[in-house]
Amino acid sequence: MKWSLSGFDSYIASLAESCRSPALTDLMFWITYLGKWQSLTIFFIAAIALFLRHKERFEALFLSFSFIGSLLFVYILKTLFKRQRPDMAVYIESGYSFPSAHAVVAITLYALLFYLLARRIEGPFLKGAVFTAGAVLALFIGISRIYLGVHYASDVLAGFALGLGWVLVVKHILKRFCRSVPLFEGRGFRFDPFDALTLLLALTTFFLYWSIKGA
C-alpha cells in the first residue's frame, strides 16, 4: 500500500535521526515509558482513586471510558491497517504501527487527566499552567515515538486525532445519558496530603519499576 504521506514521514524521520544524542535518547526513553501498559495501569488507578475519593463520579467515568475505549479502537485500527513499523528504530517494538497507541493514550489519559484537574483549580494562572502541562506532556509522548524511530509521524498525528475525537464523543455520550451524574462546573479542587501521597506513590512506583527493568 502506497502512503501519500510517505515523503512527510521520511523527512520527519530523517530530522529526528539527525537530532539523536545519548542524553536526549535517555530522556526520550523515560518519556515513552509513560505510554507502556505498566505505567498506564499505575497512573490510571491513581487518577481514578483520586476522583472517587472526592466523589467526582463524572470525571471517573469520563476518564475510564475515554482511556479504555480508545485502547479498543487502537487495536481495531492496527489490525485493519497492518502498517509495518519503520526499519531504522532505536529499539525493537512489536505490533503494528498505525495509529500510535502512545499518542492516543497521551490524549485519552494524560492530557484528559490534566484537563479535568485544571477545571477544578481556582485561579486562571494555575489553571492555565496545569492545562498547558498536560498538552506539553501529551505532545512529547508522541514526539518520543518519532524520535526513537518506532513510529512514523503520520502514526502519531493520527493517534492524536483519534484520541481527541474519542474524548469528545465520550463527553457527549456521558452528558446525554448520565444526567444523574453531576457534571464538572469548575469547582475548586482541594489537593490535600492524601492526594499528594497518592501521586507520590504513583510516581515512585513508575520510576522504581523502569529503573529496575532498565538496569
Protein backbone atom coordinates (compact mmCIF):
# COMPACT_ATOMS: atom_id res chain seq x y z
CA MET A 1 0.00 0.00 0.00
CA LYS A 2 1.45 3.37 -1.04
CA TRP A 3 1.12 6.09 1.58
CA SER A 4 0.50 9.65 0.41
CA LEU A 5 2.35 10.91 3.50
CA SER A 6 5.47 8.85 2.85
CA GLY A 7 7.52 11.89 1.88
CA PHE A 8 6.46 13.74 5.00
CA ASP A 9 7.16 10.71 7.17
CA SER A 10 10.62 10.24 5.65
CA TYR A 11 11.52 13.89 6.17
CA ILE A 12 10.45 13.89 9.84
CA ALA A 13 12.22 10.55 10.46
CA SER A 14 15.46 11.91 8.98
CA LEU A 15 15.14 15.08 11.07
CA ALA A 16 14.60 13.03 14.25
CA GLU A 17 17.61 10.82 13.47
CA SER A 18 19.84 13.85 12.97
CA CYS A 19 18.87 15.16 16.42
CA ARG A 20 19.74 11.99 18.35
CA SER A 21 22.25 12.09 21.17
CA PRO A 22 22.86 9.73 24.11
CA ALA A 23 21.43 12.13 26.70
CA LEU A 24 18.38 13.01 24.63
CA THR A 25 17.76 9.36 23.83
CA ASP A 26 17.76 8.51 27.55
CA LEU A 27 15.24 11.29 28.17
CA MET A 28 13.00 10.12 25.33
CA PHE A 29 13.05 6.59 26.73
CA TRP A 30 11.72 7.89 30.06
CA ILE A 31 9.01 9.87 28.28
CA THR A 32 7.98 6.92 26.11
CA TYR A 33 7.79 4.71 29.21
CA LEU A 34 4.70 6.73 30.17
CA GLY A 35 2.84 5.03 27.33
CA LYS A 36 3.74 1.45 28.32
CA TRP A 37 0.95 -0.64 29.81
CA GLN A 38 2.70 -0.87 33.19
CA SER A 39 2.84 2.92 33.51
CA LEU A 40 -0.70 3.36 32.18
CA THR A 41 -2.01 0.98 34.83
CA ILE A 42 -0.20 2.84 37.61
CA PHE A 43 -1.42 6.32 36.68
CA PHE A 44 -4.92 5.24 35.66
CA ILE A 45 -5.55 3.59 39.04
CA ALA A 46 -4.10 6.61 40.87
CA ALA A 47 -6.30 9.03 38.90
CA ILE A 48 -9.49 7.04 39.43
CA ALA A 49 -8.71 6.70 43.14
CA LEU A 50 -8.24 10.46 43.38
CA PHE A 51 -11.53 11.28 41.63
CA LEU A 52 -13.58 8.71 43.52
CA ARG A 53 -12.18 9.90 46.84
CA HIS A 54 -13.53 13.36 46.04
CA LYS A 55 -16.83 11.84 44.82
CA GLU A 56 -16.12 13.08 41.30
CA ARG A 57 -18.09 10.34 39.55
CA PHE A 58 -18.40 12.10 36.21
CA GLU A 59 -14.67 12.64 35.98
CA ALA A 60 -14.00 8.99 36.90
CA LEU A 61 -16.43 7.78 34.23
CA PHE A 62 -15.12 10.25 31.67
CA LEU A 63 -11.51 9.18 32.16
CA SER A 64 -12.36 5.45 32.28
CA PHE A 65 -14.46 5.34 29.11
CA SER A 66 -12.06 7.60 27.23
CA PHE A 67 -8.96 5.62 28.14
CA ILE A 68 -10.30 2.06 27.91
CA GLY A 69 -12.41 2.73 24.81
CA SER A 70 -9.51 4.32 22.97
CA LEU A 71 -7.38 1.20 23.53
CA LEU A 72 -10.07 -0.88 21.84
CA PHE A 73 -10.18 1.45 18.84
CA VAL A 74 -6.39 1.39 18.52
CA TYR A 75 -6.39 -2.41 18.47
CA ILE A 76 -9.09 -2.49 15.77
CA LEU A 77 -7.35 0.08 13.57
CA LYS A 78 -3.95 -1.55 13.90
CA THR A 79 -5.49 -4.87 12.85
CA LEU A 80 -7.23 -3.27 9.88
CA PHE A 81 -4.30 -1.23 8.52
CA LYS A 82 -1.45 -3.61 9.47
CA ARG A 83 1.14 -0.95 8.75
CA GLN A 84 4.67 -2.12 9.49
CA ARG A 85 6.89 -0.09 11.77
CA PRO A 86 9.89 1.93 10.48
CA ASP A 87 13.09 -0.01 9.84
CA MET A 88 15.54 2.39 11.50
CA ALA A 89 14.39 2.29 15.13
CA VAL A 90 16.48 2.74 18.28
CA TYR A 91 14.96 -0.44 19.70
CA ILE A 92 12.63 -3.20 18.56
CA GLU A 93 8.92 -2.64 19.20
CA SER A 94 6.33 -5.33 18.49
CA GLY A 95 2.93 -4.83 16.90
CA TYR A 96 1.73 -2.72 14.01
CA SER A 97 2.50 0.96 13.56
CA PHE A 98 -0.73 2.79 12.63
CA PRO A 99 -2.04 4.52 14.66
CA SER A 100 0.32 5.19 17.55
CA ALA A 101 -1.18 3.83 20.78
CA HIS A 102 1.18 6.05 22.76
CA ALA A 103 -0.20 9.15 21.02
CA VAL A 104 -3.78 8.04 21.65
CA VAL A 105 -3.34 7.43 25.38
CA ALA A 106 -1.33 10.64 25.66
CA ILE A 107 -4.65 12.35 24.92
CA THR A 108 -7.20 9.97 26.48
CA LEU A 109 -5.35 9.51 29.78
CA TYR A 110 -2.68 12.12 30.45
CA ALA A 111 -3.97 15.23 28.65
CA LEU A 112 -7.54 14.49 29.72
CA LEU A 113 -6.45 13.97 33.33
CA PHE A 114 -4.64 17.32 33.39
CA TYR A 115 -7.67 18.96 31.76
CA LEU A 116 -10.05 17.57 34.40
CA LEU A 117 -7.72 18.72 37.16
CA ALA A 118 -7.37 22.16 35.59
CA ARG A 119 -11.16 22.55 35.57
CA ARG A 120 -11.09 22.08 39.34
CA ILE A 121 -8.31 24.56 40.12
CA GLU A 122 -9.11 28.13 41.13
CA GLY A 123 -7.09 30.94 39.62
CA PRO A 124 -6.54 31.49 35.89
CA PHE A 125 -2.74 31.31 36.02
CA LEU A 126 -2.51 27.96 37.81
CA LYS A 127 -5.42 26.60 35.79
CA GLY A 128 -3.69 27.55 32.55
CA ALA A 129 -0.35 26.16 33.77
CA VAL A 130 -1.87 22.75 34.56
CA PHE A 131 -3.72 22.59 31.24
CA THR A 132 -0.57 23.58 29.33
CA ALA A 133 1.49 20.98 31.21
CA GLY A 134 -0.94 18.26 30.11
CA ALA A 135 -0.79 19.38 26.49
CA VAL A 136 3.02 19.56 26.51
CA LEU A 137 3.30 16.12 28.13
CA ALA A 138 1.00 14.59 25.51
CA LEU A 139 2.98 16.26 22.72
CA PHE A 140 6.31 14.95 23.98
CA ILE A 141 4.99 11.42 24.39
CA GLY A 142 4.15 11.50 20.69
CA ILE A 143 7.48 13.09 19.79
CA SER A 144 9.33 10.39 21.73
CA ARG A 145 7.85 7.73 19.45
CA ILE A 146 9.07 9.52 16.33
CA TYR A 147 12.47 10.29 17.87
CA LEU A 148 13.02 6.64 18.84
CA GLY A 149 12.02 5.57 15.33
CA VAL A 150 9.24 3.16 16.38
CA HIS A 151 6.52 5.21 14.66
CA TYR A 152 6.07 7.36 11.60
CA ALA A 153 4.98 10.96 12.15
CA SER A 154 1.64 10.19 10.49
CA ASP A 155 1.06 7.40 13.04
CA VAL A 156 1.44 9.90 15.86
CA LEU A 157 -0.70 12.58 14.23
CA ALA A 158 -3.43 10.03 13.60
CA GLY A 159 -3.15 8.90 17.22
CA PHE A 160 -3.60 12.46 18.48
CA ALA A 161 -6.63 12.97 16.21
CA LEU A 162 -8.18 9.66 17.24
CA GLY A 163 -7.62 10.35 20.93
CA LEU A 164 -9.12 13.85 20.78
CA GLY A 165 -12.07 12.70 18.69
CA TRP A 166 -12.85 9.83 21.03
CA VAL A 167 -12.67 12.10 24.10
CA LEU A 168 -15.22 14.45 22.53
CA VAL A 169 -17.52 11.53 21.67
CA VAL A 170 -17.34 10.13 25.21
CA LYS A 171 -18.04 13.55 26.74
CA HIS A 172 -21.12 13.98 24.55
CA ILE A 173 -22.45 10.50 25.37
CA LEU A 174 -21.94 10.88 29.12
CA LYS A 175 -23.57 14.29 29.24
CA ARG A 176 -26.54 12.92 27.30
CA PHE A 177 -27.13 9.60 29.06
CA CYS A 178 -25.69 10.18 32.54
CA ARG A 179 -27.77 13.15 33.63
CA SER A 180 -27.93 11.81 37.18
CA VAL A 181 -24.15 12.08 37.47
CA PRO A 182 -23.01 15.59 38.47
CA LEU A 183 -21.06 17.32 35.71
CA PHE A 184 -17.95 19.29 36.48
CA GLU A 185 -18.55 23.01 36.80
CA GLY A 186 -15.08 24.25 37.62
CA ARG A 187 -15.44 23.92 41.38
CA GLY A 188 -12.32 24.44 43.48
CA PHE A 189 -10.20 21.28 43.73
CA ARG A 190 -8.66 20.83 47.16
CA PHE A 191 -5.43 18.94 46.76
CA ASP A 192 -4.88 17.53 50.24
CA PRO A 193 -1.97 15.50 51.72
CA PHE A 194 -3.67 12.19 50.85
CA ASP A 195 -3.86 13.23 47.19
CA ALA A 196 -0.19 14.23 47.28
CA LEU A 197 0.67 10.85 48.79
CA THR A 198 -1.29 9.05 46.05
CA LEU A 199 0.56 10.98 43.34
CA LEU A 200 3.92 10.46 45.03
CA LEU A 201 3.29 6.72 45.31
CA ALA A 202 2.36 6.51 41.63
CA LEU A 203 5.45 8.45 40.56
CA THR A 204 7.72 6.43 42.85
CA THR A 205 6.33 3.16 41.50
CA PHE A 206 6.84 4.39 37.94
CA PHE A 207 10.48 5.36 38.45
CA LEU A 208 11.36 2.31 40.52
CA TYR A 209 9.82 -0.12 38.02
CA TRP A 210 11.56 1.30 34.97
CA SER A 211 14.84 1.85 36.80
CA ILE A 212 14.92 -1.79 37.86
CA LYS A 213 13.70 -3.06 34.48
CA GLY A 214 16.26 -0.99 32.62
CA ALA A 215 19.11 -1.97 34.91
